[in-house]
C-alpha atoms as a PDB file:
ATOM      1  CA  MET A   1      41.498  -8.839 -13.223  1.00  0.00           C
ATOM      2  CA  ARG A   2      44.476  -6.923 -11.880  1.00  0.00           C
ATOM      3  CA  VAL A   3      45.159  -3.573 -10.609  1.00  0.00           C
ATOM      4  CA  VAL A   4      45.627  -1.324 -13.580  1.00  0.00           C
ATOM      5  CA  ALA A   5      47.874   1.443 -12.241  1.00  0.00           C
ATOM      6  CA  GLY A   6      49.698   3.021  -9.525  1.00  0.00           C
ATOM      7  CA  GLU A   7      52.207   1.531  -7.172  1.00  0.00           C
ATOM      8  CA  ARG A   8      50.318  -1.843  -7.164  1.00  0.00           C
ATOM      9  CA  LYS A   9      50.147  -1.867 -10.827  1.00  0.00           C
ATOM     10  CA  GLY A  10      49.930  -5.457 -12.326  1.00  0.00           C
ATOM     11  CA  ILE A  11      48.921  -7.361  -9.101  1.00  0.00           C
ATOM     12  CA  PRO A  12      46.057  -9.725 -10.093  1.00  0.00           C
ATOM     13  CA  LEU A  13      43.048  -9.509  -8.047  1.00  0.00           C
ATOM     14  CA  ARG A  14      40.853 -12.635  -7.581  1.00  0.00           C
ATOM     15  CA  ALA A  15      37.153 -12.338  -8.355  1.00  0.00           C
ATOM     16  CA  ILE A  16      34.348 -14.270  -6.662  1.00  0.00           C
ATOM     17  CA  ALA A  17      33.090 -17.251  -8.551  1.00  0.00           C
ATOM     18  CA  GLY A  18      29.600 -17.320  -9.512  1.00  0.00           C
ATOM     19  CA  THR A  19      27.015 -14.624 -10.298  1.00  0.00           C
ATOM     20  CA  THR A  20      26.512 -12.828  -6.913  1.00  0.00           C
ATOM     21  CA  THR A  21      28.789  -9.972  -8.274  1.00  0.00           C
ATOM     22  CA  ARG A  22      29.953  -8.604 -11.365  1.00  0.00           C
ATOM     23  CA  PRO A  23      33.325  -7.299 -11.462  1.00  0.00           C
ATOM     24  CA  THR A  24      34.410  -4.377 -13.296  1.00  0.00           C
ATOM     25  CA  THR A  25      36.503  -5.404 -16.214  1.00  0.00           C
ATOM     26  CA  ASP A  26      40.160  -3.920 -16.473  1.00  0.00           C
ATOM     27  CA  LYS A  27      39.348  -2.053 -19.419  1.00  0.00           C
ATOM     28  CA  VAL A  28      36.095  -0.349 -17.777  1.00  0.00           C
ATOM     29  CA  LYS A  29      38.415   0.325 -14.752  1.00  0.00           C
ATOM     30  CA  GLU A  30      41.240   1.969 -16.723  1.00  0.00           C
ATOM     31  CA  ALA A  31      38.782   4.245 -18.822  1.00  0.00           C
ATOM     32  CA  LEU A  32      36.860   5.139 -15.657  1.00  0.00           C
ATOM     33  CA  PHE A  33      40.211   6.231 -13.559  1.00  0.00           C
ATOM     34  CA  ASN A  34      41.584   8.013 -16.785  1.00  0.00           C
ATOM     35  CA  ILE A  35      38.481  10.105 -16.783  1.00  0.00           C
ATOM     36  CA  ILE A  36      38.236  11.138 -12.896  1.00  0.00           C
ATOM     37  CA  GLY A  37      41.905  11.520 -12.850  1.00  0.00           C
ATOM     38  CA  PRO A  38      44.771   8.893 -13.227  1.00  0.00           C
ATOM     39  CA  PHE A  39      46.170   9.462  -9.792  1.00  0.00           C
ATOM     40  CA  PHE A  40      45.001  11.014  -6.527  1.00  0.00           C
ATOM     41  CA  GLU A  41      46.744  12.902  -3.948  1.00  0.00           C
ATOM     42  CA  GLY A  42      45.285  11.328  -0.622  1.00  0.00           C
ATOM     43  CA  GLY A  43      41.583  11.364   0.285  1.00  0.00           C
ATOM     44  CA  ILE A  44      39.290   8.667   1.185  1.00  0.00           C
ATOM     45  CA  ALA A  45      37.687   6.312  -1.172  1.00  0.00           C
ATOM     46  CA  LEU A  46      33.975   4.447  -0.378  1.00  0.00           C
ATOM     47  CA  ASP A  47      33.613   1.462  -2.613  1.00  0.00           C
ATOM     48  CA  LEU A  48      29.846   0.730  -1.801  1.00  0.00           C
ATOM     49  CA  PHE A  49      28.967  -2.784  -3.091  1.00  0.00           C
ATOM     50  CA  ALA A  50      32.678  -3.592  -3.189  1.00  0.00           C
ATOM     51  CA  GLY A  51      32.655  -7.096  -4.330  1.00  0.00           C
ATOM     52  CA  SER A  52      36.147  -8.193  -4.539  1.00  0.00           C
ATOM     53  CA  GLY A  53      37.304  -4.712  -4.160  1.00  0.00           C
ATOM     54  CA  GLY A  54      38.598  -3.989  -7.560  1.00  0.00           C
ATOM     55  CA  LEU A  55      37.717  -0.158  -7.693  1.00  0.00           C
ATOM     56  CA  GLY A  56      38.719   0.770  -3.802  1.00  0.00           C
ATOM     57  CA  ILE A  57      42.118  -1.075  -4.460  1.00  0.00           C
ATOM     58  CA  GLU A  58      42.592   0.862  -7.557  1.00  0.00           C
ATOM     59  CA  ALA A  59      41.984   4.032  -5.707  1.00  0.00           C
ATOM     60  CA  LEU A  60      44.632   3.185  -3.149  1.00  0.00           C
ATOM     61  CA  SER A  61      46.971   2.077  -5.914  1.00  0.00           C
ATOM     62  CA  ARG A  62      46.631   5.589  -7.339  1.00  0.00           C
ATOM     63  CA  GLY A  63      47.111   7.546  -4.352  1.00  0.00           C
ATOM     64  CA  ALA A  64      44.035   7.452  -2.114  1.00  0.00           C
ATOM     65  CA  GLU A  65      45.131   7.386   1.582  1.00  0.00           C
ATOM     66  CA  LYS A  66      42.266   4.988   2.815  1.00  0.00           C
ATOM     67  CA  ALA A  67      39.301   2.966   1.079  1.00  0.00           C
ATOM     68  CA  ILE A  68      36.279   1.915   3.044  1.00  0.00           C
ATOM     69  CA  PHE A  69      34.781  -1.289   1.462  1.00  0.00           C
ATOM     70  CA  ILE A  70      31.327  -2.252   2.097  1.00  0.00           C
ATOM     71  CA  GLU A  71      29.901  -5.697   0.905  1.00  0.00           C
ATOM     72  CA  LYS A  72      27.297  -7.917   2.453  1.00  0.00           C
ATOM     73  CA  ASP A  73      28.282 -11.218   0.515  1.00  0.00           C
ATOM     74  CA  ARG A  74      30.381 -13.167   3.014  1.00  0.00           C
ATOM     75  CA  ARG A  75      32.352 -15.097   0.368  1.00  0.00           C
ATOM     76  CA  ALA A  76      33.131 -11.793  -1.392  1.00  0.00           C
ATOM     77  CA  VAL A  77      34.594 -10.225   1.744  1.00  0.00           C
ATOM     78  CA  GLN A  78      36.883 -13.325   2.053  1.00  0.00           C
ATOM     79  CA  VAL A  79      38.171 -12.724  -1.411  1.00  0.00           C
ATOM     80  CA  LEU A  80      38.125  -9.028  -0.928  1.00  0.00           C
ATOM     81  CA  LYS A  81      40.267  -9.138   2.208  1.00  0.00           C
ATOM     82  CA  GLU A  82      42.636 -11.656   0.250  1.00  0.00           C
ATOM     83  CA  ASN A  83      43.064  -8.869  -2.432  1.00  0.00           C
ATOM     84  CA  ILE A  84      43.672  -6.207   0.016  1.00  0.00           C
ATOM     85  CA  LYS A  85      46.271  -8.515   1.724  1.00  0.00           C
ATOM     86  CA  LYS A  86      47.851  -9.312  -1.560  1.00  0.00           C
ATOM     87  CA  CYS A  87      48.278  -5.561  -2.386  1.00  0.00           C
ATOM     88  CA  ARG A  88      49.743  -4.833   1.491  1.00  0.00           C
ATOM     89  CA  TYR A  89      46.916  -2.406   1.728  1.00  0.00           C
ATOM     90  CA  GLU A  90      45.347  -3.749   5.240  1.00  0.00           C
ATOM     91  CA  GLU A  91      46.422  -0.649   7.153  1.00  0.00           C
ATOM     92  CA  PHE A  92      44.587   1.665   4.465  1.00  0.00           C
ATOM     93  CA  SER A  93      41.409  -0.359   4.376  1.00  0.00           C
ATOM     94  CA  GLU A  94      38.276  -0.806   6.410  1.00  0.00           C
ATOM     95  CA  VAL A  95      36.080  -3.675   5.462  1.00  0.00           C
ATOM     96  CA  TYR A  96      32.511  -4.145   6.546  1.00  0.00           C
ATOM     97  CA  CYS A  97      30.528  -7.004   5.931  1.00  0.00           C
ATOM     98  CA  THR A  98      26.984  -5.499   5.909  1.00  0.00           C
ATOM     99  CA  ASP A  99      24.370  -4.262   3.992  1.00  0.00           C
ATOM    100  CA  ALA A 100      24.675  -0.881   2.265  1.00  0.00           C
ATOM    101  CA  SER A 101      21.710   0.426   4.195  1.00  0.00           C
ATOM    102  CA  ARG A 102      23.328  -0.133   7.424  1.00  0.00           C
ATOM    103  CA  ALA A 103      26.741   0.877   6.305  1.00  0.00           C
ATOM    104  CA  VAL A 104      25.297   4.260   5.160  1.00  0.00           C
ATOM    105  CA  LYS A 105      23.492   4.866   8.481  1.00  0.00           C
ATOM    106  CA  ALA A 106      26.782   4.243  10.263  1.00  0.00           C
ATOM    107  CA  LEU A 107      28.733   6.537   8.079  1.00  0.00           C
ATOM    108  CA  LEU A 108      26.247   9.278   8.468  1.00  0.00           C
ATOM    109  CA  LYS A 109      27.173   9.104  12.319  1.00  0.00           C
ATOM    110  CA  ARG A 110      31.136   9.344  11.717  1.00  0.00           C
ATOM    111  CA  ASP A 111      33.167  12.410  11.248  1.00  0.00           C
ATOM    112  CA  ILE A 112      34.211  11.665   7.826  1.00  0.00           C
ATOM    113  CA  GLN A 113      34.535  13.217   4.364  1.00  0.00           C
ATOM    114  CA  ILE A 114      34.539  11.299   1.353  1.00  0.00           C
ATOM    115  CA  ASP A 115      36.410  12.092  -1.630  1.00  0.00           C
ATOM    116  CA  TYR A 116      35.598   9.292  -3.935  1.00  0.00           C
ATOM    117  CA  LEU A 117      32.399   7.320  -4.010  1.00  0.00           C
ATOM    118  CA  PHE A 118      32.303   4.165  -5.918  1.00  0.00           C
ATOM    119  CA  VAL A 119      28.606   2.881  -6.384  1.00  0.00           C
ATOM    120  CA  ASP A 120      28.302  -0.474  -8.265  1.00  0.00           C
ATOM    121  CA  PRO A 121      25.096  -2.251  -6.939  1.00  0.00           C
ATOM    122  CA  PRO A 122      23.254  -5.100  -8.479  1.00  0.00           C
ATOM    123  CA  TYR A 123      21.888  -3.722 -11.691  1.00  0.00           C
ATOM    124  CA  LYS A 124      18.454  -4.508 -11.045  1.00  0.00           C
ATOM    125  CA  LYS A 125      18.279  -2.651  -7.595  1.00  0.00           C
ATOM    126  CA  LEU A 126      17.571   1.005  -8.400  1.00  0.00           C
ATOM    127  CA  GLU A 127      16.762   1.816  -4.784  1.00  0.00           C
ATOM    128  CA  TYR A 128      20.494   1.398  -4.068  1.00  0.00           C
ATOM    129  CA  TYR A 129      21.451   4.661  -5.876  1.00  0.00           C
ATOM    130  CA  ASP A 130      19.195   6.373  -3.213  1.00  0.00           C
ATOM    131  CA  TYR A 131      22.157   5.870  -0.644  1.00  0.00           C
ATOM    132  CA  ILE A 132      24.079   8.364  -2.622  1.00  0.00           C
ATOM    133  CA  SER A 133      21.380  11.137  -1.909  1.00  0.00           C
ATOM    134  CA  PHE A 134      21.585  10.148   1.880  1.00  0.00           C
ATOM    135  CA  LEU A 135      25.464  10.603   2.078  1.00  0.00           C
ATOM    136  CA  VAL A 136      24.916  13.921  -0.045  1.00  0.00           C
ATOM    137  CA  GLU A 137      22.458  15.274   2.295  1.00  0.00           C
ATOM    138  CA  GLY A 138      24.145  14.039   5.463  1.00  0.00           C
ATOM    139  CA  GLY A 139      27.261  16.005   4.406  1.00  0.00           C
ATOM    140  CA  LYS A 140      29.512  13.106   3.998  1.00  0.00           C
ATOM    141  CA  LEU A 141      31.083  14.011   0.833  1.00  0.00           C
ATOM    142  CA  ALA A 142      33.810  16.507   0.320  1.00  0.00           C
ATOM    143  CA  ASP A 143      33.121  19.657  -1.836  1.00  0.00           C
ATOM    144  CA  ASP A 144      35.596  18.155  -4.631  1.00  0.00           C
ATOM    145  CA  ALA A 145      34.223  14.764  -4.288  1.00  0.00           C
ATOM    146  CA  ILE A 146      33.953  12.659  -7.483  1.00  0.00           C
ATOM    147  CA  ILE A 147      31.040   9.848  -7.470  1.00  0.00           C
ATOM    148  CA  VAL A 148      31.210   7.126  -9.878  1.00  0.00           C
ATOM    149  CA  CYS A 149      28.408   4.985 -10.577  1.00  0.00           C
ATOM    150  CA  GLU A 150      28.422   1.657 -12.564  1.00  0.00           C
ATOM    151  CA  HIS A 151      25.225   0.833 -14.251  1.00  0.00           C
ATOM    152  CA  SER A 152      23.109  -1.135 -16.989  1.00  0.00           C
ATOM    153  CA  THR A 153      22.161   0.582 -20.076  1.00  0.00           C
ATOM    154  CA  GLU A 154      18.766   0.292 -19.012  1.00  0.00           C
ATOM    155  CA  VAL A 155      19.070   2.365 -15.681  1.00  0.00           C
ATOM    156  CA  GLN A 156      18.576   6.032 -16.027  1.00  0.00           C
ATOM    157  CA  LEU A 157      20.108   7.671 -13.016  1.00  0.00           C
ATOM    158  CA  PRO A 158      19.193  11.336 -12.231  1.00  0.00           C
ATOM    159  CA  ASP A 159      21.004  14.700 -13.417  1.00  0.00           C
ATOM    160  CA  ALA A 160      22.355  15.429 -10.073  1.00  0.00           C
ATOM    161  CA  TYR A 161      22.415  14.321  -6.311  1.00  0.00           C
ATOM    162  CA  GLY A 162      22.036  17.462  -4.487  1.00  0.00           C
ATOM    163  CA  ARG A 163      24.828  19.703  -5.823  1.00  0.00           C
ATOM    164  CA  TYR A 164      26.749  17.066  -7.479  1.00  0.00           C
ATOM    165  CA  SER A 165      25.754  17.125 -11.290  1.00  0.00           C
ATOM    166  CA  CYS A 166      26.416  14.392 -13.868  1.00  0.00           C
ATOM    167  CA  ILE A 167      29.392  15.695 -16.090  1.00  0.00           C
ATOM    168  CA  ARG A 168      29.820  12.832 -18.023  1.00  0.00           C
ATOM    169  CA  ASP A 169      28.468   9.218 -19.021  1.00  0.00           C
ATOM    170  CA  GLU A 170      30.517   6.727 -20.856  1.00  0.00           C
ATOM    171  CA  THR A 171      28.989   3.534 -22.355  1.00  0.00           C
ATOM    172  CA  TYR A 172      31.192   0.294 -22.410  1.00  0.00           C
ATOM    173  CA  GLY A 173      28.725  -2.616 -23.764  1.00  0.00           C
ATOM    174  CA  ASN A 174      25.761  -3.114 -21.539  1.00  0.00           C
ATOM    175  CA  THR A 175      27.561  -0.868 -18.715  1.00  0.00           C
ATOM    176  CA  ILE A 176      27.323   2.690 -18.193  1.00  0.00           C
ATOM    177  CA  ILE A 177      29.786   4.633 -15.888  1.00  0.00           C
ATOM    178  CA  SER A 178      28.333   8.199 -14.918  1.00  0.00           C
ATOM    179  CA  ILE A 179      30.442  10.670 -13.249  1.00  0.00           C
ATOM    180  CA  TYR A 180      29.138  13.474 -10.750  1.00  0.00           C
ATOM    181  CA  ARG A 181      31.067  16.468  -9.485  1.00  0.00           C
ATOM    182  CA  MET A 182      29.756  19.582  -7.638  1.00  0.00           C
ATOM    183  CA  ASN A 183      29.139  22.173  -9.806  1.00  0.00           C
END
């Protein structure tokens, strides 16, 4: 696993040993960012279920000004922090070792607008995709926000989350990337 493009291109990222997380492969990450826009001009990324932080770090490397990482597994958070440090993104990152439910509740209380929302929960946990609705209904996504969901081919996500409609689905093996934008 590595940073695919941008100012930190090529920096190797550590993954968590074991089966508690499922890092996005470089191939899928590169395809995903080519779809949503190869480079960004600022904005805030939220990497929900961050694991080792590959998606949020990639967003920072491609021009996001800040990334918020949510991960409840303590071992994953240690690796995530190491990856952020290796990429020299400490001052542009917020890392929270908590479950997504608690994190979303806290985000709903903040004065924040999320521009890039990455949702890659454990594949069998369908209820975790509901957090997207909570953030949309709570007004926490910018009007031009991009929502990216990584999910199993066995999971059928809704056509829309509020005013954000699915504009594209791409399948990579047993993984689907669903991208939502406001219509």
